C-alpha atoms as a PDB file:
ATOM      1  CA  MET A   1       9.691 -43.927   8.637  1.00  0.00           C
ATOM      2  CA  PRO A   2       8.200 -41.683  11.373  1.00  0.00           C
ATOM      3  CA  GLN A   3      10.083 -38.404  11.589  1.00  0.00           C
ATOM      4  CA  SER A   4      10.960 -38.882  15.266  1.00  0.00           C
ATOM      5  CA  VAL A   5      12.583 -42.244  14.526  1.00  0.00           C
ATOM      6  CA  ASP A   6      14.443 -40.777  11.572  1.00  0.00           C
ATOM      7  CA  ARG A   7      15.775 -37.925  13.713  1.00  0.00           C
ATOM      8  CA  ALA A   8      16.770 -40.261  16.540  1.00  0.00           C
ATOM      9  CA  LEU A   9      18.803 -42.334  14.084  1.00  0.00           C
ATOM     10  CA  ASP A  10      20.390 -39.151  12.718  1.00  0.00           C
ATOM     11  CA  VAL A  11      21.485 -38.230  16.243  1.00  0.00           C
ATOM     12  CA  LEU A  12      22.832 -41.734  16.867  1.00  0.00           C
ATOM     13  CA  ASP A  13      24.749 -41.680  13.565  1.00  0.00           C
ATOM     14  CA  ALA A  14      26.175 -38.241  14.373  1.00  0.00           C
ATOM     15  CA  VAL A  15      27.476 -39.436  17.731  1.00  0.00           C
ATOM     16  CA  ALA A  16      28.880 -42.610  16.158  1.00  0.00           C
ATOM     17  CA  GLY A  17      30.676 -40.553  13.509  1.00  0.00           C
ATOM     18  CA  SER A  18      32.415 -38.349  16.046  1.00  0.00           C
ATOM     19  CA  ASP A  19      35.913 -38.942  17.417  1.00  0.00           C
ATOM     20  CA  GLY A  20      34.808 -38.033  20.933  1.00  0.00           C
ATOM     21  CA  PRO A  21      31.929 -36.733  23.057  1.00  0.00           C
ATOM     22  CA  VAL A  22      29.471 -34.461  21.226  1.00  0.00           C
ATOM     23  CA  SER A  23      27.480 -31.636  22.787  1.00  0.00           C
ATOM     24  CA  ALA A  24      23.763 -31.226  22.242  1.00  0.00           C
ATOM     25  CA  LYS A  25      24.332 -27.929  20.441  1.00  0.00           C
ATOM     26  CA  ALA A  26      26.780 -29.572  18.043  1.00  0.00           C
ATOM     27  CA  LEU A  27      24.285 -32.363  17.371  1.00  0.00           C
ATOM     28  CA  ALA A  28      21.555 -29.813  16.687  1.00  0.00           C
ATOM     29  CA  ARG A  29      23.787 -28.142  14.092  1.00  0.00           C
ATOM     30  CA  ARG A  30      24.756 -31.431  12.459  1.00  0.00           C
ATOM     31  CA  THR A  31      21.247 -32.853  12.280  1.00  0.00           C
ATOM     32  CA  GLY A  32      19.349 -29.645  11.583  1.00  0.00           C
ATOM     33  CA  CYS A  33      17.032 -30.280  14.526  1.00  0.00           C
ATOM     34  CA  ALA A  34      15.892 -27.807  17.144  1.00  0.00           C
ATOM     35  CA  LEU A  35      17.925 -27.967  20.353  1.00  0.00           C
ATOM     36  CA  SER A  36      14.819 -28.925  22.369  1.00  0.00           C
ATOM     37  CA  THR A  37      14.168 -31.817  19.985  1.00  0.00           C
ATOM     38  CA  VAL A  38      17.769 -32.986  20.256  1.00  0.00           C
ATOM     39  CA  TYR A  39      17.564 -33.002  24.062  1.00  0.00           C
ATOM     40  CA  GLU A  40      14.363 -35.063  23.877  1.00  0.00           C
ATOM     41  CA  LEU A  41      15.979 -37.566  21.523  1.00  0.00           C
ATOM     42  CA  LEU A  42      19.149 -37.728  23.610  1.00  0.00           C
ATOM     43  CA  GLY A  43      17.063 -38.510  26.676  1.00  0.00           C
ATOM     44  CA  ALA A  44      15.333 -41.406  24.947  1.00  0.00           C
ATOM     45  CA  LEU A  45      18.538 -42.820  23.462  1.00  0.00           C
ATOM     46  CA  THR A  46      20.340 -42.515  26.790  1.00  0.00           C
ATOM     47  CA  ALA A  47      17.512 -44.213  28.655  1.00  0.00           C
ATOM     48  CA  ARG A  48      17.740 -47.170  26.255  1.00  0.00           C
ATOM     49  CA  GLY A  49      21.513 -47.423  26.705  1.00  0.00           C
ATOM     50  CA  HIS A  50      22.400 -46.458  23.137  1.00  0.00           C
ATOM     51  CA  LEU A  51      24.108 -43.265  24.357  1.00  0.00           C
ATOM     52  CA  VAL A  52      25.877 -42.173  27.530  1.00  0.00           C
ATOM     53  CA  ARG A  53      26.169 -38.615  28.808  1.00  0.00           C
ATOM     54  CA  THR A  54      29.590 -37.473  29.975  1.00  0.00           C
ATOM     55  CA  ALA A  55      30.867 -34.132  31.221  1.00  0.00           C
ATOM     56  CA  ALA A  56      32.058 -33.318  27.694  1.00  0.00           C
ATOM     57  CA  GLY A  57      28.930 -34.493  25.853  1.00  0.00           C
ATOM     58  CA  TRP A  58      27.336 -37.686  24.566  1.00  0.00           C
ATOM     59  CA  THR A  59      29.115 -40.854  23.455  1.00  0.00           C
ATOM     60  CA  LEU A  60      27.939 -44.272  22.336  1.00  0.00           C
ATOM     61  CA  GLY A  61      26.394 -46.276  25.154  1.00  0.00           C
ATOM     62  CA  TYR A  62      26.969 -49.711  26.541  1.00  0.00           C
ATOM     63  CA  ARG A  63      24.155 -51.277  24.538  1.00  0.00           C
ATOM     64  CA  VAL A  64      26.042 -50.769  21.271  1.00  0.00           C
ATOM     65  CA  PRO A  65      28.518 -53.650  21.828  1.00  0.00           C
ATOM     66  CA  SER A  66      25.621 -56.008  22.572  1.00  0.00           C
ATOM     67  CA  LEU A  67      23.982 -54.986  19.290  1.00  0.00           C
ATOM     68  CA  HIS A  68      27.244 -55.706  17.489  1.00  0.00           C
ATOM     69  CA  ARG A  69      27.453 -59.127  19.121  1.00  0.00           C
ATOM     70  CA  ALA A  70      23.862 -59.817  18.102  1.00  0.00           C
ATOM     71  CA  PHE A  71      24.685 -58.784  14.546  1.00  0.00           C
ATOM     72  CA  GLN A  72      27.661 -61.142  14.466  1.00  0.00           C
ATOM     73  CA  ARG A  73      25.518 -63.954  15.885  1.00  0.00           C
ATOM     74  CA  GLN A  74      22.840 -63.451  13.245  1.00  0.00           C
ATOM     75  CA  MET A  75      25.470 -63.358  10.501  1.00  0.00           C
ATOM     76  CA  ARG A  76      27.080 -66.509  11.998  1.00  0.00           C
ATOM     77  CA  LEU A  77      30.388 -64.704  12.460  1.00  0.00           C
ATOM     78  CA  ASP A  78      31.715 -66.856  15.257  1.00  0.00           C
ATOM     79  CA  GLU A  79      35.194 -67.240  16.679  1.00  0.00           C
ATOM     80  CA  GLU A  80      36.102 -69.810  14.030  1.00  0.00           C
ATOM     81  CA  VAL A  81      35.681 -67.220  11.257  1.00  0.00           C
ATOM     82  CA  HIS A  82      37.758 -64.692  13.174  1.00  0.00           C
ATOM     83  CA  GLY A  83      40.339 -67.407  13.791  1.00  0.00           C
ATOM     84  CA  LEU A  84      40.605 -68.044  10.056  1.00  0.00           C
ATOM     85  CA  LEU A  85      41.197 -64.348   9.398  1.00  0.00           C
ATOM     86  CA  LEU A  86      43.881 -64.186  12.085  1.00  0.00           C
ATOM     87  CA  LYS A  87      45.554 -67.295  10.691  1.00  0.00           C
ATOM     88  CA  ALA A  88      45.551 -65.805   7.197  1.00  0.00           C
ATOM     89  CA  ARG A  89      46.973 -62.564   8.525  1.00  0.00           C
ATOM     90  CA  ARG A  90      49.818 -64.359  10.242  1.00  0.00           C
ATOM     91  CA  THR A  91      50.526 -66.372   7.092  1.00  0.00           C
ATOM     92  CA  VAL A  92      50.584 -63.504   4.597  1.00  0.00           C
ATOM     93  CA  GLY A  93      51.610 -60.714   6.969  1.00  0.00           C
ATOM     94  CA  ALA A  94      48.856 -58.398   5.752  1.00  0.00           C
ATOM     95  CA  ASP A  95      45.390 -57.296   6.784  1.00  0.00           C
ATOM     96  CA  THR A  96      42.553 -59.716   6.029  1.00  0.00           C
ATOM     97  CA  TYR A  97      38.815 -59.119   5.706  1.00  0.00           C
ATOM     98  CA  PHE A  98      35.531 -61.001   5.489  1.00  0.00           C
ATOM     99  CA  SER A  99      32.779 -59.338   3.430  1.00  0.00           C
ATOM    100  CA  ALA A 100      29.262 -60.132   2.290  1.00  0.00           C
ATOM    101  CA  TYR A 101      26.494 -59.024  -0.027  1.00  0.00           C
ATOM    102  CA  ARG A 102      23.094 -58.912   1.636  1.00  0.00           C
ATOM    103  CA  ASP A 103      19.849 -57.092   0.891  1.00  0.00           C
ATOM    104  CA  GLY A 104      21.329 -55.007  -1.893  1.00  0.00           C
ATOM    105  CA  GLU A 105      24.409 -53.855   0.000  1.00  0.00           C
ATOM    106  CA  ILE A 106      28.041 -54.864   0.413  1.00  0.00           C
ATOM    107  CA  ALA A 107      29.557 -54.756   3.877  1.00  0.00           C
ATOM    108  CA  VAL A 108      32.860 -55.603   5.544  1.00  0.00           C
ATOM    109  CA  LEU A 109      31.790 -57.810   8.441  1.00  0.00           C
ATOM    110  CA  ALA A 110      35.098 -58.735  10.079  1.00  0.00           C
ATOM    111  CA  GLY A 111      38.791 -58.031   9.783  1.00  0.00           C
ATOM    112  CA  ALA A 112      42.169 -58.905  11.228  1.00  0.00           C
ATOM    113  CA  SER A 113      44.862 -56.245  11.264  1.00  0.00           C
ATOM    114  CA  ASP A 114      47.883 -55.329  13.326  1.00  0.00           C
ATOM    115  CA  THR A 115      47.931 -52.482  15.830  1.00  0.00           C
ATOM    116  CA  ALA A 116      48.557 -49.918  13.104  1.00  0.00           C
ATOM    117  CA  ALA A 117      45.873 -48.534  10.817  1.00  0.00           C
ATOM    118  CA  PRO A 118      44.568 -51.240   8.467  1.00  0.00           C
ATOM    119  CA  THR A 119      46.496 -51.319   5.193  1.00  0.00           C
ATOM    120  CA  GLY A 120      43.414 -51.304   3.013  1.00  0.00           C
ATOM    121  CA  GLY A 121      41.779 -48.464   4.863  1.00  0.00           C
ATOM    122  CA  PHE A 122      38.625 -50.553   5.290  1.00  0.00           C
ATOM    123  CA  SER A 123      36.476 -50.278   8.365  1.00  0.00           C
ATOM    124  CA  LEU A 124      33.722 -52.620   9.447  1.00  0.00           C
ATOM    125  CA  GLY A 125      30.365 -51.724   7.998  1.00  0.00           C
ATOM    126  CA  ARG A 126      28.749 -50.796   4.715  1.00  0.00           C
ATOM    127  CA  ASP A 127      31.027 -50.468   1.686  1.00  0.00           C
ATOM    128  CA  ALA A 128      29.592 -48.063  -0.878  1.00  0.00           C
ATOM    129  CA  ASP A 129      32.573 -48.497  -3.220  1.00  0.00           C
ATOM    130  CA  GLY A 130      32.233 -52.131  -4.232  1.00  0.00           C
ATOM    131  CA  HIS A 131      33.173 -51.262  -7.811  1.00  0.00           C
ATOM    132  CA  ALA A 132      36.654 -50.323  -6.607  1.00  0.00           C
ATOM    133  CA  THR A 133      37.423 -53.064  -4.076  1.00  0.00           C
ATOM    134  CA  ALA A 134      38.596 -56.610  -4.672  1.00  0.00           C
ATOM    135  CA  HIS A 135      36.003 -58.055  -2.306  1.00  0.00           C
ATOM    136  CA  GLY A 136      33.344 -55.890  -3.951  1.00  0.00           C
ATOM    137  CA  LYS A 137      34.258 -57.241  -7.380  1.00  0.00           C
ATOM    138  CA  VAL A 138      33.998 -60.812  -6.139  1.00  0.00           C
ATOM    139  CA  LEU A 139      30.566 -60.161  -4.678  1.00  0.00           C
ATOM    140  CA  LEU A 140      29.297 -58.143  -7.651  1.00  0.00           C
ATOM    141  CA  SER A 141      30.523 -60.798 -10.062  1.00  0.00           C
ATOM    142  CA  ALA A 142      28.220 -63.334  -8.397  1.00  0.00           C
ATOM    143  CA  LEU A 143      25.093 -61.218  -8.763  1.00  0.00           C
ATOM    144  CA  PRO A 144      22.537 -61.368 -11.542  1.00  0.00           C
ATOM    145  CA  ARG A 145      22.981 -58.381 -13.846  1.00  0.00           C
ATOM    146  CA  ALA A 146      19.793 -56.664 -12.642  1.00  0.00           C
ATOM    147  CA  ALA A 147      20.872 -56.835  -8.982  1.00  0.00           C
ATOM    148  CA  ARG A 148      24.345 -55.604  -9.886  1.00  0.00           C
ATOM    149  CA  LEU A 149      22.942 -52.624 -11.781  1.00  0.00           C
ATOM    150  CA  ARG A 150      20.680 -51.753  -8.852  1.00  0.00           C
ATOM    151  CA  TYR A 151      23.671 -51.723  -6.533  1.00  0.00           C
ATOM    152  CA  LEU A 152      25.784 -49.574  -8.858  1.00  0.00           C
ATOM    153  CA  SER A 153      22.974 -47.131  -9.556  1.00  0.00           C
ATOM    154  CA  GLY A 154      22.489 -46.684  -5.830  1.00  0.00           C
ATOM    155  CA  THR A 155      26.132 -46.170  -4.950  1.00  0.00           C
ATOM    156  CA  GLY A 156      27.529 -44.699  -8.149  1.00  0.00           C
ATOM    157  CA  MET A 157      31.040 -45.403  -9.380  1.00  0.00           C
ATOM    158  CA  ARG A 158      33.065 -42.562  -7.942  1.00  0.00           C
ATOM    159  CA  ALA A 159      36.714 -42.155  -8.851  1.00  0.00           C
ATOM    160  CA  ILE A 160      38.582 -42.720  -5.585  1.00  0.00           C
ATOM    161  CA  THR A 161      41.989 -42.653  -7.304  1.00  0.00           C
ATOM    162  CA  PRO A 162      43.022 -42.130 -10.932  1.00  0.00           C
ATOM    163  CA  ARG A 163      43.057 -45.925 -11.333  1.00  0.00           C
ATOM    164  CA  THR A 164      39.495 -46.548 -10.138  1.00  0.00           C
ATOM    165  CA  ILE A 165      37.261 -48.163 -12.748  1.00  0.00           C
ATOM    166  CA  THR A 166      34.333 -45.816 -13.346  1.00  0.00           C
ATOM    167  CA  SER A 167      33.029 -47.225 -16.630  1.00  0.00           C
ATOM    168  CA  PRO A 168      30.216 -49.815 -16.397  1.00  0.00           C
ATOM    169  CA  ASP A 169      31.530 -51.552 -19.526  1.00  0.00           C
ATOM    170  CA  ARG A 170      35.056 -51.805 -18.132  1.00  0.00           C
ATOM    171  CA  LEU A 171      33.690 -53.097 -14.839  1.00  0.00           C
ATOM    172  CA  ASP A 172      31.605 -55.735 -16.652  1.00  0.00           C
ATOM    173  CA  ALA A 173      34.737 -56.941 -18.444  1.00  0.00           C
ATOM    174  CA  GLU A 174      36.597 -57.032 -15.132  1.00  0.00           C
ATOM    175  CA  LEU A 175      33.820 -59.026 -13.469  1.00  0.00           C
ATOM    176  CA  ARG A 176      33.860 -61.560 -16.293  1.00  0.00           C
ATOM    177  CA  ARG A 177      37.554 -62.124 -15.571  1.00  0.00           C
ATOM    178  CA  VAL A 178      36.769 -62.524 -11.884  1.00  0.00           C
ATOM    179  CA  ARG A 179      34.164 -65.198 -12.625  1.00  0.00           C
ATOM    180  CA  ARG A 180      36.530 -66.957 -15.011  1.00  0.00           C
ATOM    181  CA  HIS A 181      39.558 -67.043 -12.696  1.00  0.00           C
ATOM    182  CA  GLY A 182      37.835 -67.148  -9.295  1.00  0.00           C
ATOM    183  CA  VAL A 183      39.919 -64.280  -7.914  1.00  0.00           C
ATOM    184  CA  ALA A 184      39.647 -60.493  -7.965  1.00  0.00           C
ATOM    185  CA  VAL A 185      42.505 -58.019  -7.821  1.00  0.00           C
ATOM    186  CA  GLU A 186      42.513 -54.268  -7.488  1.00  0.00           C
ATOM    187  CA  VAL A 187      45.703 -52.237  -7.718  1.00  0.00           C
ATOM    188  CA  GLU A 188      45.623 -48.695  -6.296  1.00  0.00           C
ATOM    189  CA  GLU A 189      41.926 -48.316  -7.084  1.00  0.00           C
ATOM    190  CA  CYS A 190      41.079 -47.561  -3.436  1.00  0.00           C
ATOM    191  CA  ALA A 191      44.317 -46.151  -2.082  1.00  0.00           C
ATOM    192  CA  PRO A 192      47.689 -45.212  -3.615  1.00  0.00           C
ATOM    193  CA  GLY A 193      50.385 -47.796  -2.969  1.00  0.00           C
ATOM    194  CA  VAL A 194      47.921 -50.504  -1.911  1.00  0.00           C
ATOM    195  CA  ALA A 195      46.676 -53.616  -3.716  1.00  0.00           C
ATOM    196  CA  CYS A 196      43.965 -56.054  -2.674  1.00  0.00           C
ATOM    197  CA  VAL A 197      43.211 -59.674  -3.549  1.00  0.00           C
ATOM    198  CA  ALA A 198      39.878 -61.409  -2.897  1.00  0.00           C
ATOM    199  CA  VAL A 199      38.282 -64.796  -3.511  1.00  0.00           C
ATOM    200  CA  PRO A 200      34.705 -66.012  -3.029  1.00  0.00           C
ATOM    201  CA  VAL A 201      33.715 -68.262  -0.159  1.00  0.00           C
ATOM    202  CA  PRO A 202      31.876 -71.334  -1.460  1.00  0.00           C
ATOM    203  CA  ALA A 203      28.534 -71.749   0.281  1.00  0.00           C
ATOM    204  CA  ALA A 204      25.917 -74.415  -0.302  1.00  0.00           C
ATOM    205  CA  ASP A 205      23.158 -72.078   0.924  1.00  0.00           C
ATOM    206  CA  GLY A 206      23.927 -69.489  -1.763  1.00  0.00           C
ATOM    207  CA  ALA A 207      25.301 -66.870   0.625  1.00  0.00           C
ATOM    208  CA  ARG A 208      27.547 -64.399  -1.155  1.00  0.00           C
ATOM    209  CA  THR A 209      30.674 -63.808   0.909  1.00  0.00           C
ATOM    210  CA  ALA A 210      34.351 -63.193   0.242  1.00  0.00           C
ATOM    211  CA  VAL A 211      37.721 -63.104   1.977  1.00  0.00           C
ATOM    212  CA  SER A 212      40.357 -60.583   0.996  1.00  0.00           C
ATOM    213  CA  VAL A 213      43.818 -59.291   1.780  1.00  0.00           C
ATOM    214  CA  ALA A 214      45.128 -55.742   1.483  1.00  0.00           C
ATOM    215  CA  LEU A 215      48.883 -55.250   1.219  1.00  0.00           C
ATOM    216  CA  PRO A 216      51.448 -52.695   0.053  1.00  0.00           C
ATOM    217  CA  LEU A 217      51.896 -52.619  -3.697  1.00  0.00           C
ATOM    218  CA  ALA A 218      55.517 -53.778  -3.535  1.00  0.00           C
ATOM    219  CA  ASP A 219      54.484 -56.850  -1.530  1.00  0.00           C
ATOM    220  CA  PHE A 220      51.700 -57.622  -3.967  1.00  0.00           C
ATOM    221  CA  GLU A 221      54.057 -57.498  -6.938  1.00  0.00           C
ATOM    222  CA  ARG A 222      56.442 -59.869  -5.160  1.00  0.00           C
ATOM    223  CA  ARG A 223      54.001 -62.444  -3.775  1.00  0.00           C
ATOM    224  CA  GLY A 224      50.497 -61.754  -5.038  1.00  0.00           C
ATOM    225  CA  ASP A 225      50.106 -65.329  -6.336  1.00  0.00           C
ATOM    226  CA  ARG A 226      51.042 -66.754  -2.941  1.00  0.00           C
ATOM    227  CA  VAL A 227      48.508 -64.488  -1.224  1.00  0.00           C
ATOM    228  CA  ALA A 228      45.781 -65.703  -3.587  1.00  0.00           C
ATOM    229  CA  GLU A 229      46.603 -69.318  -2.752  1.00  0.00           C
ATOM    230  CA  VAL A 230      46.403 -68.650   0.976  1.00  0.00           C
ATOM    231  CA  LEU A 231      43.039 -66.962   0.476  1.00  0.00           C
ATOM    232  CA  ARG A 232      41.706 -69.925  -1.470  1.00  0.00           C
ATOM    233  CA  HIS A 233      42.540 -72.225   1.454  1.00  0.00           C
ATOM    234  CA  VAL A 234      40.903 -69.814   3.913  1.00  0.00           C
ATOM    235  CA  ALA A 235      37.816 -69.514   1.709  1.00  0.00           C
ATOM    236  CA  ALA A 236      37.523 -73.294   1.417  1.00  0.00           C
ATOM    237  CA  GLU A 237      37.655 -73.666   5.201  1.00  0.00           C
ATOM    238  CA  ALA A 238      35.138 -70.842   5.665  1.00  0.00           C
ATOM    239  CA  GLY A 239      32.914 -72.605   3.160  1.00  0.00           C
ATOM    240  CA  ARG A 240      33.044 -75.800   5.196  1.00  0.00           C
ATOM    241  CA  LEU A 241      31.978 -73.833   8.261  1.00  0.00           C
ATOM    242  CA  ALA A 242      29.175 -72.235   6.267  1.00  0.00           C
ATOM    243  CA  THR A 243      27.886 -75.643   5.213  1.00  0.00           C
ATOM    244  CA  ALA A 244      27.289 -76.496   8.849  1.00  0.00           C
ATOM    245  CA  ARG A 245      26.203 -72.993   9.926  1.00  0.00           C
ATOM    246  CA  PRO A 246      25.139 -70.608   7.125  1.00  0.00           C
ATOM    247  CA  VAL A 247      27.243 -67.419   7.293  1.00  0.00           C
ATOM    248  CA  GLY A 248      24.557 -65.055   6.083  1.00  0.00           C
ATOM    249  CA  THR A 249      21.589 -64.592   3.837  1.00  0.00           C
ATOM    250  CA  THR A 250      21.475 -63.381   0.299  1.00  0.00           C
ATOM    251  CA  GLY A 251      19.697 -60.381  -1.066  1.00  0.00           C
ATOM    252  CA  GLY A 252      18.126 -59.731  -4.423  1.00  0.00           C
END
């Protein structure tokens, strides 16, 4: 990748990772670029609409939402998929997510949560901790062993909590159970006091996707089986949609 493109993406990522406007000097410190270079990159990104300059610094521009809409269109994440997630959330009273494996990575593509912070702590985008998430286990369980090992070697198996599985052998055993039962569960592997349930979405085109629910541990212990049943119905409906309009593409 040309260095100028690499640096421009670093600047864009730095602005996206900030809670508010970022000054050019702060971006120079974060990216390790000269201030003159940062100003040049900011000018180009602003001209293309990816960034906007405010009195307090730079923020994401108005082109970003259109890129997100294009991403959703290419992944076939239409209103029907979002409607299924909202319906599941109303039924189980917990946050719901739609995830996929594509091109060697796992990502959370859509979610439905209440106005508070999502229970599972997941945000839309790349998930580098698939070994510790219920949706990640569903997606990893569907991969050939070589592809699974490539993913894990790239992301590692960090211990997020004391209950996170960090042993490849233990994870393999867990994934065999997922394949056998058609459901994945993680209990406090990502966050204390939180459990997640996930099931695969059947897809005739081979796309690897999953729906999941994150809920407080006490709720999971009381009605985890019911949540799994709701997810199976949602996954079946999402699969029917995928048959007509493929949800995504697979990666090797």
